[in-house]
Amino acid sequence: MEAIRRRGSFSRSTKETEVEVSIVLDGTGVADVSTGLRFLDHMLHLLAHHTRSDLTVRARWDLVHHGVEDVAIALGRAVGEALGDRKGIRRFGHALVPMDESLALAAVDLVRRAHASVDLTLSSERIEDVAAEDLQHFVESFAVNIPAVVHVEVLRGTNAHHKVEAAFKALALALRDAWSIEPGFSGPRSTKGVL
């Protein structure tokens, strides 16, 4: 039996940014990313590794906020394309992830409704080379462009890097669970008959 290889890609070209993203949901966790932001690249590597998806990201931008936002938009659209009609997927996923003193929770519903509730509890203005508010905005923009319902909350922690890393790992594990194929189930996981 041949393995499923769900793929998606999206390119976004504006006067401010040039972004290309491709993803294979049923991959091995390999990431080839270059956004110009080391910490964002690190988070994208985490997403690929813990979802076990293969991810390629290329981005050029004028201002950091525009770059972070457009990478999130393109990644969300690529994931949405890879999910296709969403038949046979588990639909729901959740994870609780510790990272040293930090603890983060993520819950995902891959229904075609856009909602993001994200609280990274960040008090610092920057984490490495990215503004804290841009990381929060990244998760929100990613979720609404899939589209999906995504809740991410950092429950405790003192180190900003650890809090964000725990949140991205929790999101990755919740996504991997939600988009996994349910053996023996081919229809949409909804009493409405559609997602």
N, C-alpha and C. Protein backbone atom coordinates (compact mmCIF):
# COMPACT_ATOMS: atom_id res chain seq x y z
N MET A 1 0.84 -1.18 0.00
CA MET A 1 0.00 0.00 0.00
C MET A 1 0.89 1.25 0.00
N GLU A 2 0.59 2.17 -0.88
CA GLU A 2 1.39 3.39 -1.00
C GLU A 2 1.05 4.38 0.11
N ALA A 3 2.07 5.00 0.66
CA ALA A 3 1.88 5.97 1.73
C ALA A 3 1.21 7.23 1.19
N ILE A 4 0.39 7.83 2.01
CA ILE A 4 -0.27 9.09 1.67
C ILE A 4 0.77 10.21 1.71
N ARG A 5 0.73 11.10 0.74
CA ARG A 5 1.66 12.24 0.70
C ARG A 5 0.85 13.50 0.43
N ARG A 6 0.20 14.02 1.45
CA ARG A 6 -0.60 15.23 1.28
C ARG A 6 0.33 16.43 1.20
N ARG A 7 0.18 17.20 0.12
CA ARG A 7 1.08 18.32 -0.16
C ARG A 7 0.31 19.61 -0.36
N GLY A 8 0.96 20.71 -0.01
CA GLY A 8 0.38 22.02 -0.26
C GLY A 8 1.49 23.03 -0.47
N SER A 9 1.19 24.07 -1.23
CA SER A 9 2.17 25.14 -1.43
C SER A 9 1.42 26.45 -1.62
N PHE A 10 2.12 27.52 -1.30
CA PHE A 10 1.51 28.84 -1.47
C PHE A 10 2.62 29.86 -1.64
N SER A 11 2.44 30.76 -2.60
CA SER A 11 3.37 31.87 -2.81
C SER A 11 2.63 33.17 -2.60
N ARG A 12 3.28 34.09 -1.92
CA ARG A 12 2.68 35.40 -1.66
C ARG A 12 3.68 36.46 -2.08
N SER A 13 3.25 37.30 -3.01
CA SER A 13 4.12 38.35 -3.52
C SER A 13 3.40 39.68 -3.40
N THR A 14 3.98 40.59 -2.61
CA THR A 14 3.41 41.93 -2.45
C THR A 14 4.53 42.94 -2.65
N LYS A 15 4.22 44.21 -2.52
CA LYS A 15 5.26 45.24 -2.60
C LYS A 15 6.19 45.18 -1.40
N GLU A 16 5.76 44.45 -0.35
CA GLU A 16 6.53 44.38 0.88
C GLU A 16 7.26 43.05 1.09
N THR A 17 6.72 41.98 0.51
CA THR A 17 7.28 40.64 0.78
C THR A 17 7.26 39.74 -0.43
N GLU A 18 8.12 38.74 -0.40
CA GLU A 18 8.11 37.62 -1.34
C GLU A 18 8.25 36.36 -0.48
N VAL A 19 7.21 35.53 -0.45
CA VAL A 19 7.22 34.35 0.40
C VAL A 19 6.78 33.14 -0.41
N GLU A 20 7.51 32.05 -0.27
CA GLU A 20 7.15 30.77 -0.88
C GLU A 20 7.21 29.70 0.19
N VAL A 21 6.13 28.93 0.31
CA VAL A 21 6.04 27.87 1.29
C VAL A 21 5.54 26.61 0.62
N SER A 22 6.15 25.48 0.94
CA SER A 22 5.61 24.18 0.54
C SER A 22 5.71 23.24 1.72
N ILE A 23 4.72 22.34 1.83
CA ILE A 23 4.67 21.42 2.95
C ILE A 23 4.14 20.06 2.49
N VAL A 24 4.71 19.02 3.05
CA VAL A 24 4.21 17.66 2.90
C VAL A 24 3.81 17.23 4.30
N LEU A 25 2.50 17.09 4.54
CA LEU A 25 2.04 16.75 5.89
C LEU A 25 2.56 15.40 6.34
N ASP A 26 2.61 14.45 5.43
CA ASP A 26 3.02 13.08 5.76
C ASP A 26 4.48 12.89 5.40
N GLY A 27 5.32 13.67 6.04
CA GLY A 27 6.75 13.64 5.74
C GLY A 27 7.56 12.99 6.84
N THR A 28 8.77 13.50 7.02
CA THR A 28 9.69 12.93 8.01
C THR A 28 10.19 13.96 9.01
N GLY A 29 9.72 15.21 8.89
CA GLY A 29 10.13 16.24 9.84
C GLY A 29 11.31 17.07 9.39
N VAL A 30 11.57 17.08 8.09
CA VAL A 30 12.71 17.83 7.54
C VAL A 30 12.27 19.25 7.22
N ALA A 31 13.07 20.22 7.64
CA ALA A 31 12.77 21.63 7.36
C ALA A 31 13.93 22.28 6.63
N ASP A 32 13.59 23.01 5.58
CA ASP A 32 14.56 23.82 4.84
C ASP A 32 13.97 25.23 4.80
N VAL A 33 14.31 26.03 5.80
CA VAL A 33 13.67 27.33 5.95
C VAL A 33 14.69 28.45 6.00
N SER A 34 14.31 29.57 5.39
CA SER A 34 15.17 30.75 5.41
C SER A 34 14.28 31.99 5.37
N THR A 35 14.04 32.57 6.55
CA THR A 35 13.19 33.76 6.63
C THR A 35 14.00 35.03 6.89
N GLY A 36 15.27 34.86 7.26
CA GLY A 36 16.07 36.00 7.66
C GLY A 36 15.99 36.30 9.15
N LEU A 37 15.15 35.54 9.85
CA LEU A 37 14.99 35.69 11.30
C LEU A 37 15.34 34.36 11.96
N ARG A 38 16.40 34.35 12.72
CA ARG A 38 16.88 33.09 13.30
C ARG A 38 15.86 32.44 14.22
N PHE A 39 15.19 33.23 15.06
CA PHE A 39 14.24 32.63 15.99
C PHE A 39 13.01 32.10 15.27
N LEU A 40 12.52 32.81 14.27
CA LEU A 40 11.39 32.30 13.49
C LEU A 40 11.79 31.02 12.77
N ASP A 41 12.99 31.00 12.19
CA ASP A 41 13.47 29.76 11.55
C ASP A 41 13.48 28.61 12.55
N HIS A 42 13.93 28.88 13.76
CA HIS A 42 13.97 27.87 14.82
C HIS A 42 12.56 27.34 15.11
N MET A 43 11.56 28.23 15.20
CA MET A 43 10.19 27.80 15.47
C MET A 43 9.62 27.00 14.29
N LEU A 44 9.97 27.38 13.07
CA LEU A 44 9.50 26.63 11.90
C LEU A 44 10.13 25.24 11.86
N HIS A 45 11.40 25.14 12.25
CA HIS A 45 12.04 23.83 12.37
C HIS A 45 11.31 22.97 13.39
N LEU A 46 10.95 23.57 14.52
CA LEU A 46 10.20 22.83 15.55
C LEU A 46 8.86 22.35 15.01
N LEU A 47 8.14 23.22 14.31
CA LEU A 47 6.85 22.83 13.75
C LEU A 47 7.00 21.64 12.81
N ALA A 48 7.98 21.71 11.92
CA ALA A 48 8.19 20.61 10.97
C ALA A 48 8.56 19.32 11.70
N HIS A 49 9.50 19.42 12.62
CA HIS A 49 9.98 18.23 13.33
C HIS A 49 8.86 17.54 14.11
N HIS A 50 8.10 18.33 14.87
CA HIS A 50 7.10 17.72 15.75
C HIS A 50 5.78 17.39 15.06
N THR A 51 5.52 17.96 13.89
CA THR A 51 4.37 17.51 13.10
C THR A 51 4.78 16.37 12.17
N ARG A 52 6.08 16.17 12.04
CA ARG A 52 6.67 15.20 11.11
C ARG A 52 6.30 15.55 9.67
N SER A 53 6.20 16.83 9.41
CA SER A 53 5.95 17.30 8.04
C SER A 53 7.27 17.79 7.45
N ASP A 54 7.34 17.78 6.13
CA ASP A 54 8.50 18.33 5.43
C ASP A 54 8.13 19.74 4.98
N LEU A 55 8.94 20.70 5.37
CA LEU A 55 8.59 22.10 5.19
C LEU A 55 9.72 22.86 4.50
N THR A 56 9.36 23.64 3.49
CA THR A 56 10.30 24.54 2.83
C THR A 56 9.71 25.95 2.88
N VAL A 57 10.51 26.89 3.33
CA VAL A 57 10.08 28.29 3.41
C VAL A 57 11.20 29.18 2.90
N ARG A 58 10.86 30.08 1.98
CA ARG A 58 11.76 31.12 1.50
C ARG A 58 11.05 32.44 1.66
N ALA A 59 11.70 33.42 2.24
CA ALA A 59 11.04 34.71 2.46
C ALA A 59 12.02 35.87 2.35
N ARG A 60 11.55 36.93 1.70
CA ARG A 60 12.24 38.22 1.67
C ARG A 60 11.19 39.27 2.00
N TRP A 61 11.61 40.31 2.75
CA TRP A 61 10.64 41.29 3.21
C TRP A 61 11.32 42.62 3.45
N ASP A 62 10.49 43.66 3.57
CA ASP A 62 11.04 44.99 3.87
C ASP A 62 11.12 45.22 5.38
N LEU A 63 10.05 44.96 6.10
CA LEU A 63 9.99 45.14 7.54
C LEU A 63 9.69 43.80 8.20
N VAL A 64 10.25 43.59 9.39
CA VAL A 64 10.12 42.30 10.07
C VAL A 64 8.66 41.90 10.27
N HIS A 65 7.82 42.82 10.72
CA HIS A 65 6.41 42.48 10.95
C HIS A 65 5.77 41.93 9.68
N HIS A 66 6.02 42.57 8.55
CA HIS A 66 5.45 42.11 7.28
C HIS A 66 5.93 40.70 6.94
N GLY A 67 7.21 40.44 7.17
CA GLY A 67 7.76 39.12 6.87
C GLY A 67 7.16 38.05 7.74
N VAL A 68 7.08 38.28 9.04
CA VAL A 68 6.51 37.29 9.97
C VAL A 68 5.06 37.01 9.61
N GLU A 69 4.30 38.06 9.38
CA GLU A 69 2.88 37.91 9.06
C GLU A 69 2.69 37.13 7.75
N ASP A 70 3.44 37.48 6.72
CA ASP A 70 3.24 36.83 5.42
C ASP A 70 3.72 35.39 5.40
N VAL A 71 4.74 35.06 6.18
CA VAL A 71 5.14 33.65 6.31
C VAL A 71 4.00 32.87 6.96
N ALA A 72 3.39 33.44 7.99
CA ALA A 72 2.26 32.78 8.66
C ALA A 72 1.09 32.58 7.72
N ILE A 73 0.75 33.60 6.95
CA ILE A 73 -0.35 33.51 5.99
C ILE A 73 -0.07 32.42 4.97
N ALA A 74 1.14 32.43 4.39
CA ALA A 74 1.49 31.44 3.36
C ALA A 74 1.52 30.03 3.94
N LEU A 75 2.05 29.87 5.14
CA LEU A 75 2.08 28.55 5.76
C LEU A 75 0.67 28.04 6.04
N GLY A 76 -0.19 28.91 6.54
CA GLY A 76 -1.58 28.51 6.77
C GLY A 76 -2.27 28.08 5.49
N ARG A 77 -2.07 28.84 4.42
CA ARG A 77 -2.71 28.50 3.13
C ARG A 77 -2.17 27.17 2.58
N ALA A 78 -0.85 26.95 2.73
CA ALA A 78 -0.25 25.70 2.26
C ALA A 78 -0.80 24.51 3.03
N VAL A 79 -0.95 24.64 4.35
CA VAL A 79 -1.52 23.57 5.16
C VAL A 79 -2.97 23.32 4.75
N GLY A 80 -3.74 24.39 4.55
CA GLY A 80 -5.12 24.23 4.11
C GLY A 80 -5.23 23.48 2.79
N GLU A 81 -4.34 23.81 1.85
CA GLU A 81 -4.33 23.10 0.57
C GLU A 81 -3.97 21.63 0.76
N ALA A 82 -2.98 21.35 1.60
CA ALA A 82 -2.56 19.97 1.84
C ALA A 82 -3.67 19.14 2.48
N LEU A 83 -4.50 19.78 3.30
CA LEU A 83 -5.60 19.06 3.96
C LEU A 83 -6.71 18.68 2.98
N GLY A 84 -6.79 19.37 1.85
CA GLY A 84 -7.78 19.05 0.84
C GLY A 84 -9.20 19.08 1.39
N ASP A 85 -9.98 18.03 1.13
CA ASP A 85 -11.37 17.99 1.59
C ASP A 85 -11.49 17.61 3.07
N ARG A 86 -10.37 17.27 3.69
CA ARG A 86 -10.28 16.97 5.12
C ARG A 86 -11.02 15.70 5.51
N LYS A 87 -11.44 14.92 4.55
CA LYS A 87 -12.12 13.65 4.85
C LYS A 87 -11.11 12.66 5.43
N GLY A 88 -11.56 11.93 6.44
CA GLY A 88 -10.75 10.88 7.03
C GLY A 88 -9.79 11.34 8.12
N ILE A 89 -9.67 12.66 8.33
CA ILE A 89 -8.76 13.13 9.38
C ILE A 89 -9.44 13.05 10.75
N ARG A 90 -8.63 13.00 11.79
CA ARG A 90 -9.18 12.98 13.15
C ARG A 90 -9.92 14.27 13.49
N ARG A 91 -9.50 15.37 12.93
CA ARG A 91 -10.08 16.70 13.08
C ARG A 91 -9.64 17.41 14.34
N PHE A 92 -9.69 16.76 15.48
CA PHE A 92 -9.33 17.38 16.75
C PHE A 92 -7.96 16.91 17.22
N GLY A 93 -7.22 17.81 17.85
CA GLY A 93 -5.95 17.43 18.44
C GLY A 93 -5.62 18.37 19.59
N HIS A 94 -4.89 17.85 20.55
CA HIS A 94 -4.48 18.69 21.68
C HIS A 94 -3.16 18.17 22.23
N ALA A 95 -2.45 19.04 22.93
CA ALA A 95 -1.17 18.65 23.53
C ALA A 95 -0.85 19.58 24.69
N LEU A 96 -0.16 19.03 25.67
CA LEU A 96 0.35 19.77 26.82
C LEU A 96 1.85 19.51 26.84
N VAL A 97 2.65 20.58 26.71
CA VAL A 97 4.09 20.41 26.54
C VAL A 97 4.88 21.22 27.57
N PRO A 98 5.77 20.55 28.31
CA PRO A 98 6.68 21.28 29.19
C PRO A 98 7.97 21.64 28.45
N MET A 99 8.55 22.76 28.80
CA MET A 99 9.88 23.14 28.34
C MET A 99 10.57 23.76 29.55
N ASP A 100 11.32 22.94 30.25
CA ASP A 100 11.92 23.35 31.52
C ASP A 100 10.84 23.91 32.45
N GLU A 101 10.93 25.18 32.83
CA GLU A 101 9.97 25.73 33.79
C GLU A 101 8.65 26.15 33.14
N SER A 102 8.57 26.08 31.81
CA SER A 102 7.38 26.53 31.09
C SER A 102 6.47 25.36 30.75
N LEU A 103 5.18 25.68 30.63
CA LEU A 103 4.18 24.67 30.29
C LEU A 103 3.17 25.31 29.35
N ALA A 104 2.91 24.67 28.20
CA ALA A 104 1.99 25.24 27.21
C ALA A 104 0.96 24.21 26.78
N LEU A 105 -0.21 24.70 26.47
CA LEU A 105 -1.34 23.89 26.03
C LEU A 105 -1.77 24.36 24.65
N ALA A 106 -2.06 23.41 23.76
CA ALA A 106 -2.62 23.75 22.45
C ALA A 106 -3.77 22.79 22.15
N ALA A 107 -4.83 23.33 21.57
CA ALA A 107 -5.97 22.53 21.11
C ALA A 107 -6.37 23.03 19.73
N VAL A 108 -6.64 22.08 18.83
CA VAL A 108 -6.89 22.40 17.43
C VAL A 108 -8.15 21.68 16.96
N ASP A 109 -8.96 22.37 16.17
CA ASP A 109 -10.08 21.79 15.45
C ASP A 109 -9.90 22.18 13.99
N LEU A 110 -9.68 21.21 13.12
CA LEU A 110 -9.43 21.50 11.71
C LEU A 110 -10.71 21.63 10.89
N VAL A 111 -11.75 22.11 11.52
CA VAL A 111 -12.96 22.50 10.83
C VAL A 111 -12.62 23.73 9.99
N ARG A 112 -13.38 24.01 8.95
CA ARG A 112 -13.09 25.18 8.12
C ARG A 112 -13.70 26.45 8.70
N ARG A 113 -13.36 26.75 9.94
CA ARG A 113 -13.76 28.01 10.56
C ARG A 113 -12.51 28.66 11.12
N ALA A 114 -12.39 29.95 10.95
CA ALA A 114 -11.18 30.66 11.37
C ALA A 114 -11.36 31.28 12.74
N HIS A 115 -10.59 30.78 13.69
CA HIS A 115 -10.59 31.38 15.03
C HIS A 115 -9.25 31.08 15.69
N ALA A 116 -8.66 32.09 16.30
CA ALA A 116 -7.41 31.89 17.03
C ALA A 116 -7.52 32.58 18.38
N SER A 117 -7.26 31.82 19.42
CA SER A 117 -7.17 32.36 20.77
C SER A 117 -5.77 32.01 21.27
N VAL A 118 -4.90 33.01 21.35
CA VAL A 118 -3.49 32.78 21.63
C VAL A 118 -3.05 33.68 22.78
N ASP A 119 -2.46 33.07 23.80
CA ASP A 119 -1.92 33.83 24.92
C ASP A 119 -0.56 33.23 25.30
N LEU A 120 0.49 33.87 24.82
CA LEU A 120 1.84 33.38 25.08
C LEU A 120 2.41 33.96 26.38
N THR A 121 1.66 34.79 27.06
CA THR A 121 2.03 35.42 28.34
C THR A 121 3.44 36.01 28.32
N LEU A 122 3.74 36.76 27.28
CA LEU A 122 5.07 37.33 27.13
C LEU A 122 5.11 38.75 27.67
N SER A 123 6.07 39.01 28.54
CA SER A 123 6.24 40.36 29.07
C SER A 123 7.44 41.07 28.43
N SER A 124 8.36 40.29 27.87
CA SER A 124 9.50 40.90 27.20
C SER A 124 9.08 41.40 25.82
N GLU A 125 9.77 42.42 25.33
CA GLU A 125 9.43 42.99 24.03
C GLU A 125 9.97 42.16 22.87
N ARG A 126 11.10 41.49 23.09
CA ARG A 126 11.72 40.71 22.02
C ARG A 126 12.12 39.34 22.54
N ILE A 127 12.07 38.37 21.64
CA ILE A 127 12.65 37.06 21.91
C ILE A 127 13.65 36.83 20.80
N GLU A 128 14.91 36.83 21.19
CA GLU A 128 16.02 36.77 20.23
C GLU A 128 15.85 37.91 19.23
N ASP A 129 15.65 37.60 17.93
CA ASP A 129 15.59 38.65 16.91
C ASP A 129 14.17 38.93 16.40
N VAL A 130 13.14 38.55 17.18
CA VAL A 130 11.75 38.75 16.76
C VAL A 130 10.99 39.44 17.89
N ALA A 131 10.13 40.40 17.52
CA ALA A 131 9.27 41.05 18.50
C ALA A 131 8.28 40.04 19.06
N ALA A 132 8.07 40.08 20.36
CA ALA A 132 7.15 39.15 21.01
C ALA A 132 5.76 39.22 20.40
N GLU A 133 5.28 40.44 20.12
CA GLU A 133 3.94 40.58 19.55
C GLU A 133 3.85 39.97 18.15
N ASP A 134 4.96 39.93 17.42
CA ASP A 134 4.94 39.30 16.09
C ASP A 134 4.80 37.79 16.19
N LEU A 135 5.35 37.19 17.24
CA LEU A 135 5.21 35.75 17.42
C LEU A 135 3.76 35.39 17.74
N GLN A 136 3.12 36.19 18.58
CA GLN A 136 1.70 36.00 18.89
C GLN A 136 0.90 36.14 17.60
N HIS A 137 1.19 37.17 16.83
CA HIS A 137 0.48 37.43 15.57
C HIS A 137 0.73 36.31 14.56
N PHE A 138 1.92 35.72 14.57
CA PHE A 138 2.23 34.61 13.67
C PHE A 138 1.24 33.46 13.89
N VAL A 139 1.07 33.05 15.14
CA VAL A 139 0.19 31.92 15.44
C VAL A 139 -1.25 32.25 15.04
N GLU A 140 -1.69 33.47 15.32
CA GLU A 140 -3.05 33.88 14.96
C GLU A 140 -3.25 33.87 13.45
N SER A 141 -2.32 34.45 12.71
CA SER A 141 -2.43 34.53 11.24
C SER A 141 -2.36 33.14 10.61
N PHE A 142 -1.49 32.30 11.12
CA PHE A 142 -1.38 30.93 10.65
C PHE A 142 -2.72 30.21 10.80
N ALA A 143 -3.32 30.29 11.98
CA ALA A 143 -4.57 29.57 12.26
C ALA A 143 -5.71 30.01 11.35
N VAL A 144 -5.90 31.32 11.22
CA VAL A 144 -7.05 31.79 10.44
C VAL A 144 -6.88 31.56 8.94
N ASN A 145 -5.66 31.33 8.49
CA ASN A 145 -5.44 31.07 7.06
C ASN A 145 -5.47 29.60 6.70
N ILE A 146 -5.59 28.70 7.68
CA ILE A 146 -5.71 27.27 7.34
C ILE A 146 -7.05 27.01 6.65
N PRO A 147 -8.21 27.45 7.03
CA PRO A 147 -8.60 27.99 8.32
C PRO A 147 -8.90 26.87 9.32
N ALA A 148 -8.72 27.20 10.61
CA ALA A 148 -8.95 26.24 11.68
C ALA A 148 -9.24 27.00 12.96
N VAL A 149 -9.72 26.28 13.94
CA VAL A 149 -9.89 26.82 15.28
C VAL A 149 -8.66 26.39 16.08
N VAL A 150 -7.93 27.36 16.60
CA VAL A 150 -6.69 27.07 17.32
C VAL A 150 -6.67 27.84 18.63
N HIS A 151 -6.42 27.12 19.70
CA HIS A 151 -6.22 27.73 21.02
C HIS A 151 -4.82 27.36 21.49
N VAL A 152 -4.03 28.34 21.85
CA VAL A 152 -2.69 28.11 22.39
C VAL A 152 -2.54 28.99 23.62
N GLU A 153 -2.13 28.38 24.72
CA GLU A 153 -1.95 29.14 25.95
C GLU A 153 -0.72 28.65 26.71
N VAL A 154 0.11 29.59 27.12
CA VAL A 154 1.21 29.26 28.01
C VAL A 154 0.66 29.33 29.43
N LEU A 155 0.70 28.20 30.13
CA LEU A 155 0.10 28.10 31.46
C LEU A 155 1.02 28.62 32.55
N ARG A 156 2.33 28.44 32.35
CA ARG A 156 3.30 28.97 33.33
C ARG A 156 4.66 29.05 32.67
N GLY A 157 5.54 29.80 33.30
CA GLY A 157 6.90 29.92 32.80
C GLY A 157 7.47 31.29 33.12
N THR A 158 8.79 31.38 33.12
CA THR A 158 9.46 32.66 33.36
C THR A 158 10.37 33.06 32.20
N ASN A 159 10.91 32.10 31.47
CA ASN A 159 11.82 32.37 30.37
C ASN A 159 11.02 32.48 29.07
N ALA A 160 11.10 33.64 28.41
CA ALA A 160 10.30 33.90 27.21
C ALA A 160 10.60 32.91 26.09
N HIS A 161 11.88 32.60 25.89
CA HIS A 161 12.26 31.64 24.85
C HIS A 161 11.61 30.29 25.13
N HIS A 162 11.66 29.83 26.36
CA HIS A 162 11.07 28.55 26.72
C HIS A 162 9.55 28.56 26.53
N LYS A 163 8.91 29.68 26.89
CA LYS A 163 7.46 29.76 26.75
C LYS A 163 7.03 29.63 25.29
N VAL A 164 7.71 30.35 24.42
CA VAL A 164 7.35 30.29 23.00
C VAL A 164 7.68 28.91 22.42
N GLU A 165 8.80 28.36 22.80
CA GLU A 165 9.16 27.03 22.29
C GLU A 165 8.14 25.98 22.75
N ALA A 166 7.73 26.02 24.02
CA ALA A 166 6.72 25.09 24.50
C ALA A 166 5.41 25.26 23.73
N ALA A 167 5.03 26.51 23.45
CA ALA A 167 3.79 26.79 22.72
C ALA A 167 3.85 26.24 21.29
N PHE A 168 4.96 26.45 20.59
CA PHE A 168 5.08 25.94 19.22
C PHE A 168 5.13 24.42 19.19
N LYS A 169 5.78 23.81 20.16
CA LYS A 169 5.80 22.34 20.22
C LYS A 169 4.41 21.79 20.49
N ALA A 170 3.68 22.43 21.42
CA ALA A 170 2.31 21.98 21.71
C ALA A 170 1.43 22.12 20.47
N LEU A 171 1.56 23.26 19.77
CA LEU A 171 0.79 23.46 18.55
C LEU A 171 1.13 22.40 17.52
N ALA A 172 2.40 22.10 17.36
CA ALA A 172 2.81 21.08 16.38
C ALA A 172 2.21 19.72 16.70
N LEU A 173 2.28 19.31 17.95
CA LEU A 173 1.74 18.00 18.33
C LEU A 173 0.23 17.95 18.18
N ALA A 174 -0.46 19.05 18.50
CA ALA A 174 -1.91 19.10 18.33
C ALA A 174 -2.29 19.02 16.85
N LEU A 175 -1.54 19.72 16.00
CA LEU A 175 -1.80 19.65 14.55
C LEU A 175 -1.56 18.25 14.01
N ARG A 176 -0.46 17.65 14.42
CA ARG A 176 -0.14 16.30 13.94
C ARG A 176 -1.25 15.32 14.30
N ASP A 177 -1.77 15.44 15.52
CA ASP A 177 -2.87 14.58 15.95
C ASP A 177 -4.13 14.88 15.13
N ALA A 178 -4.45 16.15 14.95
CA ALA A 178 -5.68 16.54 14.27
C ALA A 178 -5.68 16.17 12.79
N TRP A 179 -4.54 16.29 12.11
CA TRP A 179 -4.56 16.01 10.67
C TRP A 179 -4.18 14.57 10.36
N SER A 180 -3.94 13.76 11.38
CA SER A 180 -3.65 12.35 11.12
C SER A 180 -4.89 11.67 10.55
N ILE A 181 -4.66 10.66 9.73
CA ILE A 181 -5.75 9.91 9.11
C ILE A 181 -6.28 8.88 10.09
N GLU A 182 -7.58 8.86 10.27
CA GLU A 182 -8.23 7.91 11.17
C GLU A 182 -8.41 6.59 10.41
N PRO A 183 -7.76 5.51 10.84
CA PRO A 183 -7.89 4.23 10.14
C PRO A 183 -9.35 3.77 10.07
N GLY A 184 -9.76 3.35 8.90
CA GLY A 184 -11.11 2.82 8.72
C GLY A 184 -12.21 3.86 8.67
N PHE A 185 -11.82 5.14 8.62
CA PHE A 185 -12.82 6.21 8.58
C PHE A 185 -12.56 7.07 7.36
N SER A 186 -13.56 7.22 6.49
CA SER A 186 -13.32 7.96 5.25
C SER A 186 -14.14 9.23 5.13
N GLY A 187 -15.15 9.39 5.93
CA GLY A 187 -16.01 10.57 5.81
C GLY A 187 -15.51 11.73 6.61
N PRO A 188 -16.17 12.87 6.49
CA PRO A 188 -15.81 14.02 7.33
C PRO A 188 -16.26 13.76 8.77
N ARG A 189 -15.42 14.14 9.73
CA ARG A 189 -15.76 13.91 11.14
C ARG A 189 -16.65 15.06 11.62
N SER A 190 -17.92 14.99 11.18
CA SER A 190 -18.90 16.00 11.56
C SER A 190 -20.29 15.46 11.37
N THR A 191 -21.19 15.73 12.30
CA THR A 191 -22.58 15.31 12.14
C THR A 191 -23.27 16.08 11.02
N LYS A 192 -22.67 17.21 10.58
CA LYS A 192 -23.22 17.97 9.45
C LYS A 192 -22.93 17.28 8.12
N GLY A 193 -21.92 16.42 8.11
CA GLY A 193 -21.53 15.75 6.87
C GLY A 193 -20.45 16.47 6.11
N VAL A 194 -20.06 17.67 6.56
CA VAL A 194 -18.96 18.43 5.93
C VAL A 194 -18.17 19.12 7.02
N LEU A 195 -16.90 19.41 6.72
CA LEU A 195 -16.08 20.20 7.64
C LEU A 195 -15.95 21.61 7.10
